[in-house]
PDB file of N, CA and C in Angstrom:
ATOM      1  N   MET A   1       0.811  -1.193   0.000  1.00  0.00           N
ATOM      2  CA  MET A   1       0.000   0.000   0.000  1.00  0.00           C
ATOM      3  C   MET A   1       0.858   1.262   0.000  1.00  0.00           C
ATOM      4  N   ARG A   2       1.992   1.223   0.692  1.00  0.00           N
ATOM      5  CA  ARG A   2       2.855   2.402   0.742  1.00  0.00           C
ATOM      6  C   ARG A   2       3.349   2.782  -0.649  1.00  0.00           C
ATOM      7  N   TRP A   3       3.692   1.799  -1.481  1.00  0.00           N
ATOM      8  CA  TRP A   3       4.168   2.108  -2.838  1.00  0.00           C
ATOM      9  C   TRP A   3       3.089   2.810  -3.642  1.00  0.00           C
ATOM     10  N   LEU A   4       1.816   2.461  -3.414  1.00  0.00           N
ATOM     11  CA  LEU A   4       0.711   3.106  -4.115  1.00  0.00           C
ATOM     12  C   LEU A   4       0.592   4.561  -3.678  1.00  0.00           C
ATOM     13  N   THR A   5       0.721   4.811  -2.394  1.00  0.00           N
ATOM     14  CA  THR A   5       0.681   6.173  -1.881  1.00  0.00           C
ATOM     15  C   THR A   5       1.809   6.997  -2.473  1.00  0.00           C
ATOM     16  N   VAL A   6       3.009   6.420  -2.502  1.00  0.00           N
ATOM     17  CA  VAL A   6       4.164   7.106  -3.071  1.00  0.00           C
ATOM     18  C   VAL A   6       3.910   7.418  -4.535  1.00  0.00           C
ATOM     19  N   ALA A   7       3.401   6.446  -5.289  1.00  0.00           N
ATOM     20  CA  ALA A   7       3.154   6.647  -6.718  1.00  0.00           C
ATOM     21  C   ALA A   7       2.149   7.766  -6.953  1.00  0.00           C
ATOM     22  N   VAL A   8       1.092   7.805  -6.172  1.00  0.00           N
ATOM     23  CA  VAL A   8       0.079   8.840  -6.333  1.00  0.00           C
ATOM     24  C   VAL A   8       0.650  10.208  -5.994  1.00  0.00           C
ATOM     25  N   VAL A   9       1.385  10.302  -4.907  1.00  0.00           N
ATOM     26  CA  VAL A   9       1.987  11.570  -4.506  1.00  0.00           C
ATOM     27  C   VAL A   9       2.994  12.030  -5.548  1.00  0.00           C
ATOM     28  N   LEU A  10       3.786  11.125  -6.067  1.00  0.00           N
ATOM     29  CA  LEU A  10       4.826  11.501  -7.012  1.00  0.00           C
ATOM     30  C   LEU A  10       4.271  11.987  -8.339  1.00  0.00           C
ATOM     31  N   LEU A  11       3.091  11.585  -8.705  1.00  0.00           N
ATOM     32  CA  LEU A  11       2.487  12.074  -9.943  1.00  0.00           C
ATOM     33  C   LEU A  11       2.323  13.591  -9.910  1.00  0.00           C
ATOM     34  N   ALA A  12       2.149  14.138  -8.731  1.00  0.00           N
ATOM     35  CA  ALA A  12       1.965  15.579  -8.589  1.00  0.00           C
ATOM     36  C   ALA A  12       3.256  16.359  -8.779  1.00  0.00           C
ATOM     37  N   PHE A  13       4.401  15.687  -8.813  1.00  0.00           N
ATOM     38  CA  PHE A  13       5.686  16.374  -8.871  1.00  0.00           C
ATOM     39  C   PHE A  13       6.108  16.799 -10.263  1.00  0.00           C
ATOM     40  N   LEU A  14       5.590  16.157 -11.267  1.00  0.00           N
ATOM     41  CA  LEU A  14       6.083  16.392 -12.607  1.00  0.00           C
ATOM     42  C   LEU A  14       5.811  17.829 -13.026  1.00  0.00           C
ATOM     43  N   VAL A  15       6.839  18.455 -13.541  1.00  0.00           N
ATOM     44  CA  VAL A  15       6.771  19.836 -13.990  1.00  0.00           C
ATOM     45  C   VAL A  15       6.782  19.803 -15.505  1.00  0.00           C
ATOM     46  N   GLY A  16       6.182  20.789 -16.130  1.00  0.00           N
ATOM     47  CA  GLY A  16       6.096  20.858 -17.582  1.00  0.00           C
ATOM     48  C   GLY A  16       7.454  20.818 -18.263  1.00  0.00           C
ATOM     49  N   PRO A  17       7.500  21.177 -19.537  1.00  0.00           N
ATOM     50  CA  PRO A  17       8.735  21.136 -20.316  1.00  0.00           C
ATOM     51  C   PRO A  17       9.861  21.905 -19.640  1.00  0.00           C
ATOM     52  N   LEU A  18      11.083  21.445 -19.853  1.00  0.00           N
ATOM     53  CA  LEU A  18      12.235  22.054 -19.191  1.00  0.00           C
ATOM     54  C   LEU A  18      12.346  23.547 -19.446  1.00  0.00           C
ATOM     55  N   GLY A  19      12.034  23.999 -20.631  1.00  0.00           N
ATOM     56  CA  GLY A  19      12.111  25.418 -20.944  1.00  0.00           C
ATOM     57  C   GLY A  19      11.154  26.253 -20.108  1.00  0.00           C
ATOM     58  N   ALA A  20      10.069  25.665 -19.671  1.00  0.00           N
ATOM     59  CA  ALA A  20       9.061  26.392 -18.895  1.00  0.00           C
ATOM     60  C   ALA A  20       9.475  26.585 -17.445  1.00  0.00           C
ATOM     61  N   GLN A  21      10.495  25.891 -16.989  1.00  0.00           N
ATOM     62  CA  GLN A  21      10.892  25.948 -15.588  1.00  0.00           C
ATOM     63  C   GLN A  21      11.360  27.322 -15.144  1.00  0.00           C
ATOM     64  N   ASP A  22      11.911  28.099 -16.062  1.00  0.00           N
ATOM     65  CA  ASP A  22      12.461  29.397 -15.699  1.00  0.00           C
ATOM     66  C   ASP A  22      11.412  30.371 -15.177  1.00  0.00           C
ATOM     67  N   LYS A  23      10.149  30.114 -15.460  1.00  0.00           N
ATOM     68  CA  LYS A  23       9.097  31.046 -15.045  1.00  0.00           C
ATOM     69  C   LYS A  23       8.729  30.911 -13.570  1.00  0.00           C
ATOM     70  N   TYR A  24       9.200  29.864 -12.903  1.00  0.00           N
ATOM     71  CA  TYR A  24       8.836  29.637 -11.505  1.00  0.00           C
ATOM     72  C   TYR A  24       9.743  30.417 -10.573  1.00  0.00           C
ATOM     73  N   PRO A  25       9.196  30.938  -9.459  1.00  0.00           N
ATOM     74  CA  PRO A  25      10.012  31.704  -8.513  1.00  0.00           C
ATOM     75  C   PRO A  25      10.987  30.812  -7.744  1.00  0.00           C
ATOM     76  N   THR A  26      12.066  31.420  -7.251  1.00  0.00           N
ATOM     77  CA  THR A  26      13.049  30.725  -6.419  1.00  0.00           C
ATOM     78  C   THR A  26      12.780  31.091  -4.966  1.00  0.00           C
ATOM     79  N   VAL A  27      12.738  30.052  -4.111  1.00  0.00           N
ATOM     80  CA  VAL A  27      12.381  30.206  -2.703  1.00  0.00           C
ATOM     81  C   VAL A  27      13.456  29.533  -1.845  1.00  0.00           C
ATOM     82  N   ASN A  28      13.862  30.178  -0.768  1.00  0.00           N
ATOM     83  CA  ASN A  28      14.769  29.553   0.188  1.00  0.00           C
ATOM     84  C   ASN A  28      14.083  28.334   0.800  1.00  0.00           C
ATOM     85  N   TYR A  29      14.842  27.255   1.023  1.00  0.00           N
ATOM     86  CA  TYR A  29      14.253  26.012   1.533  1.00  0.00           C
ATOM     87  C   TYR A  29      13.491  26.197   2.849  1.00  0.00           C
ATOM     88  N   LYS A  30      13.878  27.166   3.664  1.00  0.00           N
ATOM     89  CA  LYS A  30      13.194  27.395   4.942  1.00  0.00           C
ATOM     90  C   LYS A  30      11.804  27.993   4.757  1.00  0.00           C
ATOM     91  N   LYS A  31      11.533  28.543   3.593  1.00  0.00           N
ATOM     92  CA  LYS A  31      10.243  29.196   3.334  1.00  0.00           C
ATOM     93  C   LYS A  31       9.355  28.366   2.407  1.00  0.00           C
ATOM     94  N   ALA A  32       9.744  27.133   2.142  1.00  0.00           N
ATOM     95  CA  ALA A  32       9.011  26.285   1.187  1.00  0.00           C
ATOM     96  C   ALA A  32       7.579  25.990   1.635  1.00  0.00           C
ATOM     97  N   GLU A  33       7.358  25.848   2.926  1.00  0.00           N
ATOM     98  CA  GLU A  33       6.029  25.482   3.421  1.00  0.00           C
ATOM     99  C   GLU A  33       4.972  26.510   3.012  1.00  0.00           C
ATOM    100  N   ALA A  34       5.368  27.759   2.896  1.00  0.00           N
ATOM    101  CA  ALA A  34       4.442  28.813   2.489  1.00  0.00           C
ATOM    102  C   ALA A  34       4.016  28.660   1.026  1.00  0.00           C
ATOM    103  N   HIS A  35       4.673  27.749   0.309  1.00  0.00           N
ATOM    104  CA  HIS A  35       4.392  27.536  -1.117  1.00  0.00           C
ATOM    105  C   HIS A  35       3.826  26.142  -1.379  1.00  0.00           C
ATOM    106  N   MET A  36       3.204  25.563  -0.362  1.00  0.00           N
ATOM    107  CA  MET A  36       2.597  24.236  -0.478  1.00  0.00           C
ATOM    108  C   MET A  36       1.654  24.185  -1.679  1.00  0.00           C
ATOM    109  N   GLY A  37       1.832  23.152  -2.503  1.00  0.00           N
ATOM    110  CA  GLY A  37       0.982  22.970  -3.674  1.00  0.00           C
ATOM    111  C   GLY A  37       1.411  23.759  -4.896  1.00  0.00           C
ATOM    112  N   GLU A  38       2.433  24.583  -4.747  1.00  0.00           N
ATOM    113  CA  GLU A  38       2.918  25.399  -5.866  1.00  0.00           C
ATOM    114  C   GLU A  38       4.169  24.773  -6.472  1.00  0.00           C
ATOM    115  N   ILE A  39       4.412  25.086  -7.738  1.00  0.00           N
ATOM    116  CA  ILE A  39       5.657  24.693  -8.391  1.00  0.00           C
ATOM    117  C   ILE A  39       6.622  25.855  -8.234  1.00  0.00           C
ATOM    118  N   VAL A  40       7.768  25.583  -7.603  1.00  0.00           N
ATOM    119  CA  VAL A  40       8.790  26.602  -7.347  1.00  0.00           C
ATOM    120  C   VAL A  40      10.178  25.983  -7.462  1.00  0.00           C
ATOM    121  N   TRP A  41      11.165  26.836  -7.535  1.00  0.00           N
ATOM    122  CA  TRP A  41      12.559  26.425  -7.363  1.00  0.00           C
ATOM    123  C   TRP A  41      12.861  26.562  -5.882  1.00  0.00           C
ATOM    124  N   ILE A  42      13.354  25.514  -5.251  1.00  0.00           N
ATOM    125  CA  ILE A  42      13.779  25.553  -3.855  1.00  0.00           C
ATOM    126  C   ILE A  42      15.300  25.642  -3.860  1.00  0.00           C
ATOM    127  N   GLN A  43      15.852  26.554  -3.076  1.00  0.00           N
ATOM    128  CA  GLN A  43      17.295  26.750  -3.067  1.00  0.00           C
ATOM    129  C   GLN A  43      17.870  26.605  -1.669  1.00  0.00           C
ATOM    130  N   GLY A  44      19.048  25.978  -1.588  1.00  0.00           N
ATOM    131  CA  GLY A  44      19.769  25.828  -0.332  1.00  0.00           C
ATOM    132  C   GLY A  44      21.019  25.000  -0.539  1.00  0.00           C
ATOM    133  N   THR A  45      21.836  24.910   0.490  1.00  0.00           N
ATOM    134  CA  THR A  45      23.051  24.093   0.438  1.00  0.00           C
ATOM    135  C   THR A  45      22.719  22.703   0.966  1.00  0.00           C
ATOM    136  N   VAL A  46      23.068  21.679   0.202  1.00  0.00           N
ATOM    137  CA  VAL A  46      22.757  20.300   0.577  1.00  0.00           C
ATOM    138  C   VAL A  46      23.697  19.863   1.695  1.00  0.00           C
ATOM    139  N   LEU A  47      23.108  19.521   2.828  1.00  0.00           N
ATOM    140  CA  LEU A  47      23.842  19.091   4.008  1.00  0.00           C
ATOM    141  C   LEU A  47      24.175  17.608   3.943  1.00  0.00           C
ATOM    142  N   LYS A  48      23.184  16.804   3.514  1.00  0.00           N
ATOM    143  CA  LYS A  48      23.386  15.360   3.476  1.00  0.00           C
ATOM    144  C   LYS A  48      22.391  14.713   2.531  1.00  0.00           C
ATOM    145  N   VAL A  49      22.662  13.445   2.231  1.00  0.00           N
ATOM    146  CA  VAL A  49      21.807  12.624   1.384  1.00  0.00           C
ATOM    147  C   VAL A  49      21.321  11.454   2.227  1.00  0.00           C
ATOM    148  N   ILE A  50      20.027  11.149   2.150  1.00  0.00           N
ATOM    149  CA  ILE A  50      19.450  10.017   2.874  1.00  0.00           C
ATOM    150  C   ILE A  50      18.770   9.111   1.855  1.00  0.00           C
ATOM    151  N   LYS A  51      19.124   7.840   1.903  1.00  0.00           N
ATOM    152  CA  LYS A  51      18.525   6.856   1.008  1.00  0.00           C
ATOM    153  C   LYS A  51      17.443   6.094   1.769  1.00  0.00           C
ATOM    154  N   GLU A  52      16.216   6.111   1.235  1.00  0.00           N
ATOM    155  CA  GLU A  52      15.088   5.414   1.832  1.00  0.00           C
ATOM    156  C   GLU A  52      14.448   4.528   0.770  1.00  0.00           C
ATOM    157  N   SER A  53      13.472   3.717   1.157  1.00  0.00           N
ATOM    158  CA  SER A  53      12.823   2.813   0.204  1.00  0.00           C
ATOM    159  C   SER A  53      12.113   3.564  -0.917  1.00  0.00           C
ATOM    160  N   GLU A  54      11.574   4.743  -0.624  1.00  0.00           N
ATOM    161  CA  GLU A  54      10.851   5.502  -1.642  1.00  0.00           C
ATOM    162  C   GLU A  54      11.774   6.283  -2.572  1.00  0.00           C
ATOM    163  N   GLY A  55      13.041   6.452  -2.183  1.00  0.00           N
ATOM    164  CA  GLY A  55      13.979   7.179  -3.026  1.00  0.00           C
ATOM    165  C   GLY A  55      15.105   7.794  -2.225  1.00  0.00           C
ATOM    166  N   THR A  56      15.779   8.746  -2.840  1.00  0.00           N
ATOM    167  CA  THR A  56      16.909   9.429  -2.226  1.00  0.00           C
ATOM    168  C   THR A  56      16.516  10.872  -1.933  1.00  0.00           C
ATOM    169  N   TYR A  57      16.785  11.293  -0.700  1.00  0.00           N
ATOM    170  CA  TYR A  57      16.476  12.649  -0.270  1.00  0.00           C
ATOM    171  C   TYR A  57      17.743  13.496  -0.236  1.00  0.00           C
ATOM    172  N   LEU A  58      17.641  14.723  -0.728  1.00  0.00           N
ATOM    173  CA  LEU A  58      18.681  15.728  -0.539  1.00  0.00           C
ATOM    174  C   LEU A  58      18.172  16.619   0.579  1.00  0.00           C
ATOM    175  N   CYS A  59      18.926  16.685   1.670  1.00  0.00           N
ATOM    176  CA  CYS A  59      18.485  17.419   2.856  1.00  0.00           C
ATOM    177  C   CYS A  59      19.305  18.697   3.023  1.00  0.00           C
ATOM    178  N   PHE A  60      18.610  19.786   3.244  1.00  0.00           N
ATOM    179  CA  PHE A  60      19.255  21.074   3.449  1.00  0.00           C
ATOM    180  C   PHE A  60      19.520  21.345   4.924  1.00  0.00           C
ATOM    181  N   SER A  61      18.896  20.566   5.807  1.00  0.00           N
ATOM    182  CA  SER A  61      18.971  20.799   7.241  1.00  0.00           C
ATOM    183  C   SER A  61      18.717  19.496   7.994  1.00  0.00           C
ATOM    184  N   ASN A  62      19.203  19.414   9.229  1.00  0.00           N
ATOM    185  CA  ASN A  62      18.861  18.288  10.094  1.00  0.00           C
ATOM    186  C   ASN A  62      17.460  18.444  10.679  1.00  0.00           C
ATOM    187  N   ASN A  63      16.914  19.648  10.596  1.00  0.00           N
ATOM    188  CA  ASN A  63      15.571  19.920  11.091  1.00  0.00           C
ATOM    189  C   ASN A  63      14.563  19.380  10.077  1.00  0.00           C
ATOM    190  N   GLU A  64      13.799  18.388  10.468  1.00  0.00           N
ATOM    191  CA  GLU A  64      12.890  17.702   9.556  1.00  0.00           C
ATOM    192  C   GLU A  64      11.673  18.530   9.150  1.00  0.00           C
ATOM    193  N   LYS A  65      11.502  19.702   9.721  1.00  0.00           N
ATOM    194  CA  LYS A  65      10.354  20.528   9.329  1.00  0.00           C
ATOM    195  C   LYS A  65      10.593  21.213   7.987  1.00  0.00           C
ATOM    196  N   TYR A  66      11.843  21.269   7.551  1.00  0.00           N
ATOM    197  CA  TYR A  66      12.156  21.931   6.295  1.00  0.00           C
ATOM    198  C   TYR A  66      12.060  20.960   5.120  1.00  0.00           C
ATOM    199  N   VAL A  67      11.832  21.520   3.960  1.00  0.00           N
ATOM    200  CA  VAL A  67      11.653  20.732   2.737  1.00  0.00           C
ATOM    201  C   VAL A  67      12.902  19.917   2.402  1.00  0.00           C
ATOM    202  N   ARG A  68      12.654  18.753   1.803  1.00  0.00           N
ATOM    203  CA  ARG A  68      13.709  17.888   1.272  1.00  0.00           C
ATOM    204  C   ARG A  68      13.396  17.653  -0.198  1.00  0.00           C
ATOM    205  N   VAL A  69      14.424  17.479  -0.995  1.00  0.00           N
ATOM    206  CA  VAL A  69      14.227  17.109  -2.390  1.00  0.00           C
ATOM    207  C   VAL A  69      14.219  15.590  -2.453  1.00  0.00           C
ATOM    208  N   LEU A  70      13.195  15.017  -3.068  1.00  0.00           N
ATOM    209  CA  LEU A  70      13.083  13.565  -3.193  1.00  0.00           C
ATOM    210  C   LEU A  70      13.239  13.148  -4.646  1.00  0.00           C
ATOM    211  N   VAL A  71      14.200  12.263  -4.884  1.00  0.00           N
ATOM    212  CA  VAL A  71      14.336  11.609  -6.189  1.00  0.00           C
ATOM    213  C   VAL A  71      13.800  10.197  -5.990  1.00  0.00           C
ATOM    214  N   PRO A  72      12.634   9.889  -6.588  1.00  0.00           N
ATOM    215  CA  PRO A  72      12.039   8.564  -6.412  1.00  0.00           C
ATOM    216  C   PRO A  72      12.969   7.450  -6.890  1.00  0.00           C
ATOM    217  N   THR A  73      12.871   6.304  -6.240  1.00  0.00           N
ATOM    218  CA  THR A  73      13.741   5.163  -6.532  1.00  0.00           C
ATOM    219  C   THR A  73      13.817   4.855  -8.018  1.00  0.00           C
ATOM    220  N   GLU A  74      12.683   4.894  -8.706  1.00  0.00           N
ATOM    221  CA  GLU A  74      12.681   4.536 -10.128  1.00  0.00           C
ATOM    222  C   GLU A  74      13.416   5.546 -11.011  1.00  0.00           C
ATOM    223  N   HIS A  75      13.782   6.712 -10.456  1.00  0.00           N
ATOM    224  CA  HIS A  75      14.496   7.730 -11.237  1.00  0.00           C
ATOM    225  C   HIS A  75      15.943   7.938 -10.770  1.00  0.00           C
ATOM    226  N   VAL A  76      16.360   7.255  -9.725  1.00  0.00           N
ATOM    227  CA  VAL A  76      17.707   7.418  -9.183  1.00  0.00           C
ATOM    228  C   VAL A  76      18.774   7.123 -10.237  1.00  0.00           C
ATOM    229  N   ALA A  77      18.550   6.143 -11.094  1.00  0.00           N
ATOM    230  CA  ALA A  77      19.536   5.770 -12.122  1.00  0.00           C
ATOM    231  C   ALA A  77      19.784   6.900 -13.123  1.00  0.00           C
ATOM    232  N   ASN A  78      18.877   7.860 -13.225  1.00  0.00           N
ATOM    233  CA  ASN A  78      19.066   8.997 -14.128  1.00  0.00           C
ATOM    234  C   ASN A  78      20.185   9.931 -13.667  1.00  0.00           C
ATOM    235  N   PHE A  79      20.569   9.814 -12.397  1.00  0.00           N
ATOM    236  CA  PHE A  79      21.556  10.708 -11.799  1.00  0.00           C
ATOM    237  C   PHE A  79      22.909  10.003 -11.722  1.00  0.00           C
ATOM    238  N   GLU A  80      23.693  10.121 -12.769  1.00  0.00           N
ATOM    239  CA  GLU A  80      25.006   9.470 -12.813  1.00  0.00           C
ATOM    240  C   GLU A  80      25.981  10.145 -11.856  1.00  0.00           C
ATOM    241  N   GLY A  81      26.890   9.378 -11.302  1.00  0.00           N
ATOM    242  CA  GLY A  81      27.933   9.927 -10.451  1.00  0.00           C
ATOM    243  C   GLY A  81      27.599   9.991  -8.977  1.00  0.00           C
ATOM    244  N   GLY A  82      26.401   9.612  -8.599  1.00  0.00           N
ATOM    245  CA  GLY A  82      26.034   9.588  -7.186  1.00  0.00           C
ATOM    246  C   GLY A  82      25.632  10.946  -6.651  1.00  0.00           C
ATOM    247  N   PHE A  83      24.752  10.929  -5.690  1.00  0.00           N
ATOM    248  CA  PHE A  83      24.202  12.153  -5.131  1.00  0.00           C
ATOM    249  C   PHE A  83      25.183  12.886  -4.227  1.00  0.00           C
ATOM    250  N   LYS A  84      25.932  12.139  -3.406  1.00  0.00           N
ATOM    251  CA  LYS A  84      26.870  12.793  -2.485  1.00  0.00           C
ATOM    252  C   LYS A  84      27.895  13.604  -3.261  1.00  0.00           C
ATOM    253  N   HIS A  85      28.485  12.986  -4.256  1.00  0.00           N
ATOM    254  CA  HIS A  85      29.518  13.659  -5.041  1.00  0.00           C
ATOM    255  C   HIS A  85      28.961  14.866  -5.801  1.00  0.00           C
ATOM    256  N   ARG A  86      27.771  14.725  -6.334  1.00  0.00           N
ATOM    257  CA  ARG A  86      27.182  15.792  -7.155  1.00  0.00           C
ATOM    258  C   ARG A  86      26.659  16.965  -6.352  1.00  0.00           C
ATOM    259  N   TYR A  87      26.105  16.699  -5.136  1.00  0.00           N
ATOM    260  CA  TYR A  87      25.339  17.751  -4.470  1.00  0.00           C
ATOM    261  C   TYR A  87      25.730  18.112  -3.043  1.00  0.00           C
ATOM    262  N   VAL A  88      26.261  17.202  -2.249  1.00  0.00           N
ATOM    263  CA  VAL A  88      26.535  17.511  -0.840  1.00  0.00           C
ATOM    264  C   VAL A  88      27.588  18.610  -0.726  1.00  0.00           C
ATOM    265  N   GLY A  89      27.274  19.603   0.090  1.00  0.00           N
ATOM    266  CA  GLY A  89      28.161  20.735   0.299  1.00  0.00           C
ATOM    267  C   GLY A  89      28.042  21.798  -0.772  1.00  0.00           C
ATOM    268  N   LYS A  90      27.104  21.628  -1.694  1.00  0.00           N
ATOM    269  CA  LYS A  90      26.931  22.588  -2.784  1.00  0.00           C
ATOM    270  C   LYS A  90      25.572  23.266  -2.664  1.00  0.00           C
ATOM    271  N   LYS A  91      25.551  24.536  -3.034  1.00  0.00           N
ATOM    272  CA  LYS A  91      24.289  25.262  -3.082  1.00  0.00           C
ATOM    273  C   LYS A  91      23.595  24.865  -4.374  1.00  0.00           C
ATOM    274  N   VAL A  92      22.355  24.387  -4.249  1.00  0.00           N
ATOM    275  CA  VAL A  92      21.597  23.932  -5.415  1.00  0.00           C
ATOM    276  C   VAL A  92      20.217  24.565  -5.410  1.00  0.00           C
ATOM    277  N   LYS A  93      19.572  24.474  -6.560  1.00  0.00           N
ATOM    278  CA  LYS A  93      18.145  24.776  -6.615  1.00  0.00           C
ATOM    279  C   LYS A  93      17.493  23.676  -7.426  1.00  0.00           C
ATOM    280  N   ALA A  94      16.286  23.299  -6.988  1.00  0.00           N
ATOM    281  CA  ALA A  94      15.540  22.210  -7.616  1.00  0.00           C
ATOM    282  C   ALA A  94      14.119  22.692  -7.859  1.00  0.00           C
ATOM    283  N   VAL A  95      13.550  22.274  -8.992  1.00  0.00           N
ATOM    284  CA  VAL A  95      12.212  22.717  -9.342  1.00  0.00           C
ATOM    285  C   VAL A  95      11.221  21.566  -9.251  1.00  0.00           C
ATOM    286  N   GLY A  96      10.054  21.853  -8.681  1.00  0.00           N
ATOM    287  CA  GLY A  96       8.994  20.868  -8.546  1.00  0.00           C
ATOM    288  C   GLY A  96       7.869  21.434  -7.705  1.00  0.00           C
ATOM    289  N   LYS A  97       6.920  20.581  -7.384  1.00  0.00           N
ATOM    290  CA  LYS A  97       5.763  20.983  -6.588  1.00  0.00           C
ATOM    291  C   LYS A  97       6.027  20.665  -5.121  1.00  0.00           C
ATOM    292  N   VAL A  98       5.837  21.627  -4.264  1.00  0.00           N
ATOM    293  CA  VAL A  98       6.017  21.442  -2.830  1.00  0.00           C
ATOM    294  C   VAL A  98       4.804  20.670  -2.305  1.00  0.00           C
ATOM    295  N   SER A  99       5.065  19.516  -1.656  1.00  0.00           N
ATOM    296  CA  SER A  99       4.002  18.636  -1.179  1.00  0.00           C
ATOM    297  C   SER A  99       4.354  18.061   0.176  1.00  0.00           C
ATOM    298  N   LYS A 100       3.366  17.465   0.821  1.00  0.00           N
ATOM    299  CA  LYS A 100       3.579  16.716   2.065  1.00  0.00           C
ATOM    300  C   LYS A 100       3.593  15.242   1.728  1.00  0.00           C
ATOM    301  N   PHE A 101       4.538  14.509   2.300  1.00  0.00           N
ATOM    302  CA  PHE A 101       4.590  13.058   2.181  1.00  0.00           C
ATOM    303  C   PHE A 101       4.771  12.538   3.594  1.00  0.00           C
ATOM    304  N   GLY A 102       3.695  12.019   4.178  1.00  0.00           N
ATOM    305  CA  GLY A 102       3.736  11.659   5.590  1.00  0.00           C
ATOM    306  C   GLY A 102       3.927  12.921   6.399  1.00  0.00           C
ATOM    307  N   SER A 103       4.948  12.948   7.237  1.00  0.00           N
ATOM    308  CA  SER A 103       5.225  14.133   8.042  1.00  0.00           C
ATOM    309  C   SER A 103       6.265  15.043   7.393  1.00  0.00           C
ATOM    310  N   HIS A 104       6.752  14.653   6.206  1.00  0.00           N
ATOM    311  CA  HIS A 104       7.809  15.424   5.555  1.00  0.00           C
ATOM    312  C   HIS A 104       7.283  16.350   4.479  1.00  0.00           C
ATOM    313  N   LEU A 105       7.913  17.482   4.378  1.00  0.00           N
ATOM    314  CA  LEU A 105       7.672  18.430   3.305  1.00  0.00           C
ATOM    315  C   LEU A 105       8.672  18.075   2.204  1.00  0.00           C
ATOM    316  N   ILE A 106       8.191  17.804   0.998  1.00  0.00           N
ATOM    317  CA  ILE A 106       9.091  17.354  -0.067  1.00  0.00           C
ATOM    318  C   ILE A 106       8.842  18.092  -1.373  1.00  0.00           C
ATOM    319  N   LEU A 107       9.851  18.030  -2.201  1.00  0.00           N
ATOM    320  CA  LEU A 107       9.780  18.512  -3.567  1.00  0.00           C
ATOM    321  C   LEU A 107      10.342  17.381  -4.421  1.00  0.00           C
ATOM    322  N   GLY A 108       9.532  16.787  -5.250  1.00  0.00           N
ATOM    323  CA  GLY A 108       9.943  15.635  -6.042  1.00  0.00           C
ATOM    324  C   GLY A 108      10.625  16.031  -7.337  1.00  0.00           C
ATOM    325  N   VAL A 109      11.685  15.309  -7.671  1.00  0.00           N
ATOM    326  CA  VAL A 109      12.473  15.560  -8.875  1.00  0.00           C
ATOM    327  C   VAL A 109      12.703  14.229  -9.568  1.00  0.00           C
ATOM    328  N   ASN A 110      12.434  14.175 -10.877  1.00  0.00           N
ATOM    329  CA  ASN A 110      12.585  12.911 -11.578  1.00  0.00           C
ATOM    330  C   ASN A 110      13.718  12.880 -12.600  1.00  0.00           C
ATOM    331  N   GLU A 111      14.401  14.010 -12.808  1.00  0.00           N
ATOM    332  CA  GLU A 111      15.516  14.028 -13.755  1.00  0.00           C
ATOM    333  C   GLU A 111      16.546  15.074 -13.336  1.00  0.00           C
ATOM    334  N   PRO A 112      17.809  14.829 -13.689  1.00  0.00           N
ATOM    335  CA  PRO A 112      18.898  15.717 -13.249  1.00  0.00           C
ATOM    336  C   PRO A 112      18.742  17.170 -13.686  1.00  0.00           C
ATOM    337  N   GLU A 113      18.096  17.414 -14.803  1.00  0.00           N
ATOM    338  CA  GLU A 113      17.926  18.778 -15.293  1.00  0.00           C
ATOM    339  C   GLU A 113      17.071  19.630 -14.363  1.00  0.00           C
ATOM    340  N   ARG A 114      16.396  18.995 -13.439  1.00  0.00           N
ATOM    341  CA  ARG A 114      15.534  19.726 -12.512  1.00  0.00           C
ATOM    342  C   ARG A 114      16.273  20.120 -11.221  1.00  0.00           C
ATOM    343  N   ILE A 115      17.564  19.781 -11.156  1.00  0.00           N
ATOM    344  CA  ILE A 115      18.416  20.222 -10.043  1.00  0.00           C
ATOM    345  C   ILE A 115      19.636  20.909 -10.657  1.00  0.00           C
ATOM    346  N   LYS A 116      19.888  22.134 -10.235  1.00  0.00           N
ATOM    347  CA  LYS A 116      21.029  22.884 -10.752  1.00  0.00           C
ATOM    348  C   LYS A 116      21.959  23.249  -9.601  1.00  0.00           C
ATOM    349  N   VAL A 117      23.259  23.035  -9.802  1.00  0.00           N
ATOM    350  CA  VAL A 117      24.243  23.512  -8.828  1.00  0.00           C
ATOM    351  C   VAL A 117      24.419  24.998  -9.074  1.00  0.00           C
ATOM    352  N   VAL A 118      24.149  25.789  -8.045  1.00  0.00           N
ATOM    353  CA  VAL A 118      24.216  27.246  -8.143  1.00  0.00           C
ATOM    354  C   VAL A 118      25.600  27.731  -7.747  1.00  0.00           C
ATOM    355  N   GLU A 119      26.192  27.073  -6.734  1.00  0.00           N
ATOM    356  CA  GLU A 119      27.468  27.528  -6.208  1.00  0.00           C
ATOM    357  C   GLU A 119      28.206  26.354  -5.579  1.00  0.00           C
ATOM    358  N   GLU A 120      29.478  26.241  -5.906  1.00  0.00           N
ATOM    359  CA  GLU A 120      30.332  25.214  -5.290  1.00  0.00           C
ATOM    360  C   GLU A 120      30.821  25.795  -3.969  1.00  0.00           C
ATOM    361  N   THR A 121      30.378  25.224  -2.849  1.00  0.00           N
ATOM    362  CA  THR A 121      30.739  25.776  -1.538  1.00  0.00           C
ATOM    363  C   THR A 121      31.749  24.920  -0.791  1.00  0.00           C
ATOM    364  N   THR A 122      32.108  23.761  -1.368  1.00  0.00           N
ATOM    365  CA  THR A 122      33.070  22.897  -0.669  1.00  0.00           C
ATOM    366  C   THR A 122      34.476  23.125  -1.140  1.00  0.00           C
TER     367      THR A 122
END
């Protein structure tokens, strides 16, 4: 049943054509909750990566009240080179719909083009 819930929630994450992404506003990860249900770019420095059954999370904070970027398990293979190497310690922005998944605030991403490294901070 959990996989069905994940699948239904993840359907809401898909954003239109890549060229259309530029029209969405950029929001600091701490302010993502105010944009629930909206498609936005979330920006912050990736603190750590957590691998769970539903996918891989990019976490901007140890505080679980803040948004996490979720790459669903079925799309993890699209991200060559591993998440830690690509994103940890780097300021990134990711585009998608801000949603709740259980007790977590998430932004789902299904392809690498939806996450951009803004600044190398390491």
